[in-house]
C-alpha atoms as a PDB file:
ATOM      1  CA  MET A   1      -5.949 -29.197 -11.575  1.00  0.00           C
ATOM      2  CA  PHE A   2      -2.883 -27.921 -13.468  1.00  0.00           C
ATOM      3  CA  PHE A   3      -0.651 -29.541 -10.825  1.00  0.00           C
ATOM      4  CA  ILE A   4      -2.344 -32.940 -11.253  1.00  0.00           C
ATOM      5  CA  LEU A   5      -2.287 -32.728 -15.058  1.00  0.00           C
ATOM      6  CA  SER A   6       1.424 -31.900 -15.012  1.00  0.00           C
ATOM      7  CA  LYS A   7       2.126 -35.029 -12.956  1.00  0.00           C
ATOM      8  CA  ILE A   8       0.132 -37.209 -15.372  1.00  0.00           C
ATOM      9  CA  LEU A   9       1.867 -35.625 -18.373  1.00  0.00           C
ATOM     10  CA  SER A  10       5.272 -36.281 -16.803  1.00  0.00           C
ATOM     11  CA  PHE A  11       4.455 -39.990 -16.678  1.00  0.00           C
ATOM     12  CA  LEU A  12       3.162 -40.070 -20.248  1.00  0.00           C
ATOM     13  CA  LEU A  13       6.371 -38.441 -21.497  1.00  0.00           C
ATOM     14  CA  LEU A  14       8.664 -41.190 -20.218  1.00  0.00           C
ATOM     15  CA  PRO A  15      10.625 -42.567 -23.228  1.00  0.00           C
ATOM     16  CA  LEU A  16      10.915 -45.956 -21.542  1.00  0.00           C
ATOM     17  CA  LEU A  17       7.109 -46.259 -21.514  1.00  0.00           C
ATOM     18  CA  TYR A  18       6.908 -46.178 -25.319  1.00  0.00           C
ATOM     19  CA  ILE A  19       9.976 -48.367 -25.751  1.00  0.00           C
ATOM     20  CA  PHE A  20       8.370 -50.934 -23.458  1.00  0.00           C
ATOM     21  CA  VAL A  21       5.074 -50.840 -25.391  1.00  0.00           C
ATOM     22  CA  LEU A  22       6.848 -51.305 -28.730  1.00  0.00           C
ATOM     23  CA  LEU A  23       8.882 -54.259 -27.470  1.00  0.00           C
ATOM     24  CA  VAL A  24       5.838 -55.891 -25.876  1.00  0.00           C
ATOM     25  CA  VAL A  25       3.900 -55.581 -29.139  1.00  0.00           C
ATOM     26  CA  ALA A  26       6.896 -56.997 -31.026  1.00  0.00           C
ATOM     27  CA  PHE A  27       7.059 -59.955 -28.648  1.00  0.00           C
ATOM     28  CA  PHE A  28       3.376 -60.873 -28.714  1.00  0.00           C
ATOM     29  CA  SER A  29       2.317 -59.833 -32.229  1.00  0.00           C
ATOM     30  CA  LYS A  30       1.553 -62.651 -34.648  1.00  0.00           C
ATOM     31  CA  LYS A  31       1.949 -60.348 -37.652  1.00  0.00           C
ATOM     32  CA  PRO A  32       5.541 -60.620 -38.980  1.00  0.00           C
ATOM     33  CA  GLY A  33       5.520 -57.135 -40.489  1.00  0.00           C
ATOM     34  CA  LEU A  34       4.259 -55.442 -37.327  1.00  0.00           C
ATOM     35  CA  LYS A  35       6.624 -57.528 -35.200  1.00  0.00           C
ATOM     36  CA  ARG A  36       9.671 -56.413 -37.221  1.00  0.00           C
ATOM     37  CA  LYS A  37       8.650 -52.734 -37.253  1.00  0.00           C
ATOM     38  CA  CYS A  38       7.930 -52.591 -33.523  1.00  0.00           C
ATOM     39  CA  MET A  39      11.152 -54.415 -32.692  1.00  0.00           C
ATOM     40  CA  ALA A  40      13.198 -52.111 -34.940  1.00  0.00           C
ATOM     41  CA  TRP A  41      11.597 -48.943 -33.561  1.00  0.00           C
ATOM     42  CA  GLY A  42      11.846 -50.181 -29.989  1.00  0.00           C
ATOM     43  CA  LEU A  43      15.550 -50.981 -30.257  1.00  0.00           C
ATOM     44  CA  ALA A  44      16.291 -47.772 -32.167  1.00  0.00           C
ATOM     45  CA  LEU A  45      14.558 -45.621 -29.544  1.00  0.00           C
ATOM     46  CA  LEU A  46      16.236 -47.551 -26.754  1.00  0.00           C
ATOM     47  CA  TRP A  47      19.637 -46.729 -28.245  1.00  0.00           C
ATOM     48  CA  ILE A  48      18.779 -43.069 -28.948  1.00  0.00           C
ATOM     49  CA  PHE A  49      17.505 -42.477 -25.423  1.00  0.00           C
ATOM     50  CA  SER A  50      20.318 -44.370 -23.696  1.00  0.00           C
ATOM     51  CA  ALA A  51      23.353 -43.185 -25.688  1.00  0.00           C
ATOM     52  CA  PRO A  52      24.905 -40.107 -24.000  1.00  0.00           C
ATOM     53  CA  LEU A  53      25.588 -38.447 -27.374  1.00  0.00           C
ATOM     54  CA  PHE A  54      22.056 -37.248 -28.054  1.00  0.00           C
ATOM     55  CA  LEU A  55      21.371 -36.180 -24.476  1.00  0.00           C
ATOM     56  CA  ASN A  56      24.619 -34.207 -24.366  1.00  0.00           C
ATOM     57  CA  LEU A  57      23.743 -32.408 -27.601  1.00  0.00           C
ATOM     58  CA  LEU A  58      20.373 -31.414 -26.145  1.00  0.00           C
ATOM     59  CA  ALA A  59      21.911 -30.312 -22.846  1.00  0.00           C
ATOM     60  CA  LYS A  60      24.523 -28.150 -24.564  1.00  0.00           C
ATOM     61  CA  GLY A  61      21.752 -26.213 -26.289  1.00  0.00           C
ATOM     62  CA  TRP A  62      19.266 -26.200 -23.412  1.00  0.00           C
ATOM     63  CA  ASP A  63      21.334 -25.518 -20.288  1.00  0.00           C
ATOM     64  CA  ILE A  64      21.946 -21.854 -19.545  1.00  0.00           C
ATOM     65  CA  ALA A  65      25.444 -20.669 -18.675  1.00  0.00           C
ATOM     66  CA  PRO A  66      25.811 -18.916 -15.316  1.00  0.00           C
ATOM     67  CA  ALA A  67      25.739 -15.139 -15.433  1.00  0.00           C
ATOM     68  CA  LYS A  68      28.816 -13.337 -14.188  1.00  0.00           C
ATOM     69  CA  LEU A  69      28.252 -11.859 -10.746  1.00  0.00           C
ATOM     70  CA  GLN A  70      29.522  -8.336 -10.252  1.00  0.00           C
ATOM     71  CA  PRO A  71      32.834  -8.437  -8.370  1.00  0.00           C
ATOM     72  CA  ASN A  72      32.791  -7.245  -4.774  1.00  0.00           C
ATOM     73  CA  LYS A  73      28.998  -6.896  -4.808  1.00  0.00           C
ATOM     74  CA  THR A  74      26.794  -8.476  -2.159  1.00  0.00           C
ATOM     75  CA  TYR A  75      23.307  -9.326  -3.413  1.00  0.00           C
ATOM     76  CA  SER A  76      20.272  -9.248  -1.164  1.00  0.00           C
ATOM     77  CA  ALA A  77      19.324 -12.907  -1.526  1.00  0.00           C
ATOM     78  CA  ALA A  78      19.911 -16.242  -3.193  1.00  0.00           C
ATOM     79  CA  ILE A  79      16.667 -18.008  -4.097  1.00  0.00           C
ATOM     80  CA  ILE A  80      17.208 -21.764  -3.877  1.00  0.00           C
ATOM     81  CA  LEU A  81      14.460 -23.748  -5.567  1.00  0.00           C
ATOM     82  CA  GLY A  82      13.362 -26.937  -3.840  1.00  0.00           C
ATOM     83  CA  GLY A  83      13.495 -30.420  -5.240  1.00  0.00           C
ATOM     84  CA  PHE A  84      16.814 -31.362  -3.653  1.00  0.00           C
ATOM     85  CA  ALA A  85      15.463 -32.980  -0.482  1.00  0.00           C
ATOM     86  CA  GLY A  86      12.658 -35.267   0.627  1.00  0.00           C
ATOM     87  CA  ASP A  87      11.477 -37.325   3.558  1.00  0.00           C
ATOM     88  CA  GLY A  88      14.028 -40.030   2.767  1.00  0.00           C
ATOM     89  CA  ASN A  89      11.375 -42.737   3.241  1.00  0.00           C
ATOM     90  CA  THR A  90      11.829 -42.293   6.981  1.00  0.00           C
ATOM     91  CA  GLY A  91      10.072 -38.978   7.496  1.00  0.00           C
ATOM     92  CA  LYS A  92      13.280 -37.535   8.948  1.00  0.00           C
ATOM     93  CA  GLY A  93      14.442 -35.850   5.746  1.00  0.00           C
ATOM     94  CA  ALA A  94      17.372 -36.452   3.407  1.00  0.00           C
ATOM     95  CA  PHE A  95      19.185 -34.791   0.524  1.00  0.00           C
ATOM     96  CA  ASN A  96      18.874 -36.291  -2.953  1.00  0.00           C
ATOM     97  CA  TRP A  97      20.786 -36.174  -6.250  1.00  0.00           C
ATOM     98  CA  ALA A  98      20.089 -32.422  -6.668  1.00  0.00           C
ATOM     99  CA  ALA A  99      21.746 -31.430  -3.374  1.00  0.00           C
ATOM    100  CA  ASP A 100      24.223 -29.221  -5.246  1.00  0.00           C
ATOM    101  CA  ARG A 101      21.485 -26.550  -5.170  1.00  0.00           C
ATOM    102  CA  PHE A 102      21.804 -26.453  -1.383  1.00  0.00           C
ATOM    103  CA  ILE A 103      25.601 -26.517  -1.469  1.00  0.00           C
ATOM    104  CA  GLN A 104      25.895 -23.639  -3.940  1.00  0.00           C
ATOM    105  CA  GLY A 105      23.340 -21.536  -2.066  1.00  0.00           C
ATOM    106  CA  VAL A 106      25.190 -21.998   1.209  1.00  0.00           C
ATOM    107  CA  LEU A 107      28.511 -21.143  -0.451  1.00  0.00           C
ATOM    108  CA  LEU A 108      27.040 -17.909  -1.804  1.00  0.00           C
ATOM    109  CA  GLN A 109      26.012 -16.889   1.706  1.00  0.00           C
ATOM    110  CA  ARG A 110      29.194 -18.071   3.396  1.00  0.00           C
ATOM    111  CA  THR A 111      31.437 -16.270   0.905  1.00  0.00           C
ATOM    112  CA  GLY A 112      29.543 -13.015   1.311  1.00  0.00           C
ATOM    113  CA  ARG A 113      27.948 -12.906  -2.142  1.00  0.00           C
ATOM    114  CA  VAL A 114      24.414 -12.800  -0.682  1.00  0.00           C
ATOM    115  CA  LYS A 115      22.971 -11.600   2.610  1.00  0.00           C
ATOM    116  CA  LYS A 116      20.045 -13.996   2.802  1.00  0.00           C
ATOM    117  CA  ILE A 117      19.110 -17.467   1.650  1.00  0.00           C
ATOM    118  CA  VAL A 118      15.547 -17.960   0.415  1.00  0.00           C
ATOM    119  CA  ILE A 119      14.371 -21.576   0.428  1.00  0.00           C
ATOM    120  CA  SER A 120      11.332 -22.167  -1.775  1.00  0.00           C
ATOM    121  CA  GLY A 121       9.777 -25.614  -1.588  1.00  0.00           C
ATOM    122  CA  GLY A 122       6.833 -27.350   0.030  1.00  0.00           C
ATOM    123  CA  ASN A 123       5.783 -30.807  -1.091  1.00  0.00           C
ATOM    124  CA  GLY A 124       5.653 -31.687  -4.781  1.00  0.00           C
ATOM    125  CA  LEU A 125       4.248 -35.187  -4.402  1.00  0.00           C
ATOM    126  CA  LEU A 126       0.900 -35.959  -6.002  1.00  0.00           C
ATOM    127  CA  ILE A 127      -0.178 -37.458  -2.674  1.00  0.00           C
ATOM    128  CA  ASN A 128       1.150 -35.122   0.006  1.00  0.00           C
ATOM    129  CA  ASN A 129       2.849 -37.021   2.832  1.00  0.00           C
ATOM    130  CA  GLY A 130       3.119 -33.957   5.071  1.00  0.00           C
ATOM    131  CA  PHE A 131       6.848 -33.386   4.543  1.00  0.00           C
ATOM    132  CA  LYS A 132       7.779 -29.707   4.090  1.00  0.00           C
ATOM    133  CA  GLU A 133      11.083 -29.403   2.271  1.00  0.00           C
ATOM    134  CA  ALA A 134      11.814 -25.799   3.240  1.00  0.00           C
ATOM    135  CA  ASP A 135      11.245 -26.510   6.936  1.00  0.00           C
ATOM    136  CA  TRP A 136      13.672 -29.427   6.887  1.00  0.00           C
ATOM    137  CA  VAL A 137      16.252 -27.460   4.898  1.00  0.00           C
ATOM    138  CA  LYS A 138      16.081 -24.683   7.486  1.00  0.00           C
ATOM    139  CA  SER A 139      17.133 -27.198  10.136  1.00  0.00           C
ATOM    140  CA  GLN A 140      20.165 -28.063   8.008  1.00  0.00           C
ATOM    141  CA  LEU A 141      21.070 -24.391   7.609  1.00  0.00           C
ATOM    142  CA  THR A 142      20.762 -23.937  11.364  1.00  0.00           C
ATOM    143  CA  ALA A 143      23.070 -26.922  11.886  1.00  0.00           C
ATOM    144  CA  LEU A 144      25.610 -25.074   9.732  1.00  0.00           C
ATOM    145  CA  GLN A 145      25.262 -22.090  12.098  1.00  0.00           C
ATOM    146  CA  ILE A 146      23.600 -19.831   9.560  1.00  0.00           C
ATOM    147  CA  PRO A 147      21.508 -17.429  11.685  1.00  0.00           C
ATOM    148  CA  ASP A 148      17.723 -17.266  11.378  1.00  0.00           C
ATOM    149  CA  SER A 149      18.035 -13.613  10.365  1.00  0.00           C
ATOM    150  CA  CYS A 150      19.708 -14.774   7.132  1.00  0.00           C
ATOM    151  CA  ILE A 151      17.018 -17.324   6.204  1.00  0.00           C
ATOM    152  CA  LEU A 152      13.653 -16.772   4.510  1.00  0.00           C
ATOM    153  CA  LEU A 153      11.270 -19.696   4.004  1.00  0.00           C
ATOM    154  CA  GLU A 154       8.437 -20.440   1.599  1.00  0.00           C
ATOM    155  CA  ASN A 155       7.085 -23.912   2.378  1.00  0.00           C
ATOM    156  CA  GLN A 156       3.808 -24.106   0.436  1.00  0.00           C
ATOM    157  CA  SER A 157       4.852 -24.365  -3.227  1.00  0.00           C
ATOM    158  CA  ARG A 158       4.362 -27.609  -5.162  1.00  0.00           C
ATOM    159  CA  ASN A 159       5.949 -26.638  -8.491  1.00  0.00           C
ATOM    160  CA  THR A 160       7.996 -23.917 -10.165  1.00  0.00           C
ATOM    161  CA  LEU A 161       4.965 -21.743 -10.936  1.00  0.00           C
ATOM    162  CA  GLU A 162       4.119 -21.644  -7.247  1.00  0.00           C
ATOM    163  CA  ASN A 163       7.808 -21.202  -6.351  1.00  0.00           C
ATOM    164  CA  ALA A 164       7.817 -17.928  -8.267  1.00  0.00           C
ATOM    165  CA  SER A 165       4.480 -16.541  -7.075  1.00  0.00           C
ATOM    166  CA  LEU A 166       4.973 -17.353  -3.397  1.00  0.00           C
ATOM    167  CA  THR A 167       8.630 -16.314  -3.359  1.00  0.00           C
ATOM    168  CA  LYS A 168       7.733 -12.945  -4.872  1.00  0.00           C
ATOM    169  CA  ALA A 169       5.218 -12.333  -2.087  1.00  0.00           C
ATOM    170  CA  LEU A 170       7.819 -13.365   0.506  1.00  0.00           C
ATOM    171  CA  LEU A 171      10.451 -11.010  -0.905  1.00  0.00           C
ATOM    172  CA  ILE A 172       8.022  -8.087  -0.998  1.00  0.00           C
ATOM    173  CA  LYS A 173       6.876  -8.804   2.563  1.00  0.00           C
ATOM    174  CA  ASN A 174      10.480  -8.778   3.782  1.00  0.00           C
ATOM    175  CA  GLN A 175      11.415  -5.727   1.686  1.00  0.00           C
ATOM    176  CA  GLN A 176      14.198  -7.453  -0.214  1.00  0.00           C
ATOM    177  CA  GLN A 177      15.429  -5.644  -3.305  1.00  0.00           C
ATOM    178  CA  GLY A 178      16.565  -7.361  -6.488  1.00  0.00           C
ATOM    179  CA  PRO A 179      18.327  -8.525  -8.435  1.00  0.00           C
ATOM    180  CA  TYR A 180      18.350 -11.895  -6.706  1.00  0.00           C
ATOM    181  CA  ILE A 181      20.549 -14.876  -7.500  1.00  0.00           C
ATOM    182  CA  LEU A 182      18.436 -17.810  -8.681  1.00  0.00           C
ATOM    183  CA  VAL A 183      19.961 -21.173  -7.769  1.00  0.00           C
ATOM    184  CA  THR A 184      18.650 -24.347  -9.370  1.00  0.00           C
ATOM    185  CA  SER A 185      19.808 -27.295 -11.463  1.00  0.00           C
ATOM    186  CA  ALA A 186      21.117 -26.475 -14.941  1.00  0.00           C
ATOM    187  CA  PHE A 187      18.372 -28.506 -16.654  1.00  0.00           C
ATOM    188  CA  HIS A 188      15.726 -26.559 -14.705  1.00  0.00           C
ATOM    189  CA  MET A 189      17.151 -23.056 -15.104  1.00  0.00           C
ATOM    190  CA  ARG A 190      15.694 -22.114 -18.502  1.00  0.00           C
ATOM    191  CA  ARG A 191      12.101 -22.820 -17.431  1.00  0.00           C
ATOM    192  CA  SER A 192      12.680 -21.237 -14.021  1.00  0.00           C
ATOM    193  CA  LEU A 193      13.978 -18.026 -15.582  1.00  0.00           C
ATOM    194  CA  GLN A 194      10.980 -17.978 -17.918  1.00  0.00           C
ATOM    195  CA  ILE A 195       8.545 -18.214 -15.007  1.00  0.00           C
ATOM    196  CA  PHE A 196      10.309 -15.870 -12.585  1.00  0.00           C
ATOM    197  CA  LYS A 197      10.769 -13.135 -15.183  1.00  0.00           C
ATOM    198  CA  ASN A 198       7.120 -13.508 -16.209  1.00  0.00           C
ATOM    199  CA  ARG A 199       6.238 -12.750 -12.583  1.00  0.00           C
ATOM    200  CA  GLY A 200       8.395  -9.632 -12.681  1.00  0.00           C
ATOM    201  CA  ILE A 201      11.131 -11.016 -10.429  1.00  0.00           C
ATOM    202  CA  ASP A 202      14.610  -9.737 -11.304  1.00  0.00           C
ATOM    203  CA  VAL A 203      16.878 -12.784 -11.080  1.00  0.00           C
ATOM    204  CA  ILE A 204      20.398 -13.709 -12.117  1.00  0.00           C
ATOM    205  CA  PRO A 205      20.865 -17.348 -13.211  1.00  0.00           C
ATOM    206  CA  TYR A 206      23.224 -19.431 -11.094  1.00  0.00           C
ATOM    207  CA  PRO A 207      22.867 -22.979 -12.464  1.00  0.00           C
ATOM    208  CA  CYS A 208      24.418 -25.992 -10.789  1.00  0.00           C
ATOM    209  CA  ASN A 209      23.935 -29.779 -10.602  1.00  0.00           C
ATOM    210  CA  TYR A 210      24.820 -30.369 -14.264  1.00  0.00           C
ATOM    211  CA  LEU A 211      23.504 -33.748 -15.431  1.00  0.00           C
ATOM    212  CA  ALA A 212      24.744 -33.759 -19.036  1.00  0.00           C
ATOM    213  CA  GLY A 213      26.426 -31.733 -21.756  1.00  0.00           C
ATOM    214  CA  GLN A 214      29.789 -31.386 -20.043  1.00  0.00           C
ATOM    215  CA  GLY A 215      33.062 -32.189 -21.792  1.00  0.00           C
ATOM    216  CA  ASN A 216      33.816 -33.055 -25.406  1.00  0.00           C
ATOM    217  CA  ILE A 217      31.965 -35.606 -27.513  1.00  0.00           C
ATOM    218  CA  SER A 218      33.734 -38.961 -27.838  1.00  0.00           C
ATOM    219  CA  PHE A 219      33.182 -42.471 -29.183  1.00  0.00           C
ATOM    220  CA  PHE A 220      32.023 -43.595 -25.740  1.00  0.00           C
ATOM    221  CA  ASP A 221      29.003 -41.303 -26.070  1.00  0.00           C
ATOM    222  CA  LEU A 222      27.553 -43.858 -28.500  1.00  0.00           C
ATOM    223  CA  ILE A 223      27.549 -46.614 -25.881  1.00  0.00           C
ATOM    224  CA  PRO A 224      24.198 -47.030 -24.079  1.00  0.00           C
ATOM    225  CA  ASP A 225      24.051 -46.027 -20.423  1.00  0.00           C
ATOM    226  CA  ALA A 226      21.062 -46.725 -18.147  1.00  0.00           C
ATOM    227  CA  TYR A 227      21.590 -43.378 -16.377  1.00  0.00           C
ATOM    228  CA  VAL A 228      20.851 -41.524 -19.606  1.00  0.00           C
ATOM    229  CA  LEU A 229      17.331 -42.972 -19.916  1.00  0.00           C
ATOM    230  CA  ASN A 230      16.178 -41.359 -16.682  1.00  0.00           C
ATOM    231  CA  THR A 231      17.938 -38.084 -17.437  1.00  0.00           C
ATOM    232  CA  TRP A 232      16.149 -37.836 -20.791  1.00  0.00           C
ATOM    233  CA  SER A 233      12.843 -37.944 -18.917  1.00  0.00           C
ATOM    234  CA  ILE A 234      13.949 -34.959 -16.839  1.00  0.00           C
ATOM    235  CA  TYR A 235      14.903 -32.890 -19.886  1.00  0.00           C
ATOM    236  CA  ILE A 236      11.760 -33.797 -21.827  1.00  0.00           C
ATOM    237  CA  LYS A 237       9.639 -32.630 -18.900  1.00  0.00           C
ATOM    238  CA  GLU A 238      11.496 -29.304 -18.858  1.00  0.00           C
ATOM    239  CA  VAL A 239      11.233 -28.712 -22.614  1.00  0.00           C
ATOM    240  CA  ILE A 240       7.520 -29.552 -22.729  1.00  0.00           C
ATOM    241  CA  GLY A 241       6.881 -27.484 -19.601  1.00  0.00           C
ATOM    242  CA  PHE A 242       8.667 -24.510 -21.147  1.00  0.00           C
ATOM    243  CA  GLY A 243       6.516 -24.786 -24.266  1.00  0.00           C
ATOM    244  CA  VAL A 244       3.263 -25.159 -22.325  1.00  0.00           C
ATOM    245  CA  ASN A 245       4.082 -22.134 -20.165  1.00  0.00           C
ATOM    246  CA  TYR A 246       4.829 -20.081 -23.271  1.00  0.00           C
ATOM    247  CA  VAL A 247       1.589 -21.045 -25.022  1.00  0.00           C
ATOM    248  CA  THR A 248      -0.606 -20.572 -21.938  1.00  0.00           C
ATOM    249  CA  GLY A 249       1.070 -17.319 -20.917  1.00  0.00           C
ATOM    250  CA  LYS A 250       2.282 -18.730 -17.599  1.00  0.00           C
ATOM    251  CA  GLY A 251       5.865 -18.107 -18.557  1.00  0.00           C
END
């Protein structure tokens, strides 16, 4: 039930949904006062949620900086959270815009910073299409000649809460000792740390796939960008999710 509610809430939190409603009301309303107010609010929100400035300010405060890894130390495992691959509309599998999670996890293993790679991810779609992210990712690791002995899979989780619970059980079963390096997108790291630490899993943040907040603020950050609208939706979901987990004791 919580999984379904979270999907519905994610849709209801889309800024573009409310901007669209305001502009539709402004277009069809026969009341001049309501028409002006809805048009003004709609355009104002459209600018706020499409100008990089405001998103970058949020990201600078929300994203967590990577922790410094101890020099010359090899950690037992890097936990790579799913969400960076899908069926690719063909059922064969494909990487998506968050593929930097995979890249950074592989680099940690290849450079000797971790012994094992833990892939945590099943199918997060509301209507499961049968695709198992972790299983497909394992095939990609095998193609890169990473031995099976260095790979641990958890292919049942649908969200971050399940990532943490099922990964903990997997680590205990395979007698892996922490601390572990947690690899996920920068926007997702704060909520992931909250959940993993709540489950008693000792993790070190290793954020990647930065979507915003990089570089200095400039005049161009005031110019609307369609990319920013979608990215706002991602951050809003994370902030609300963090708050809900805190209130409900899940994180």
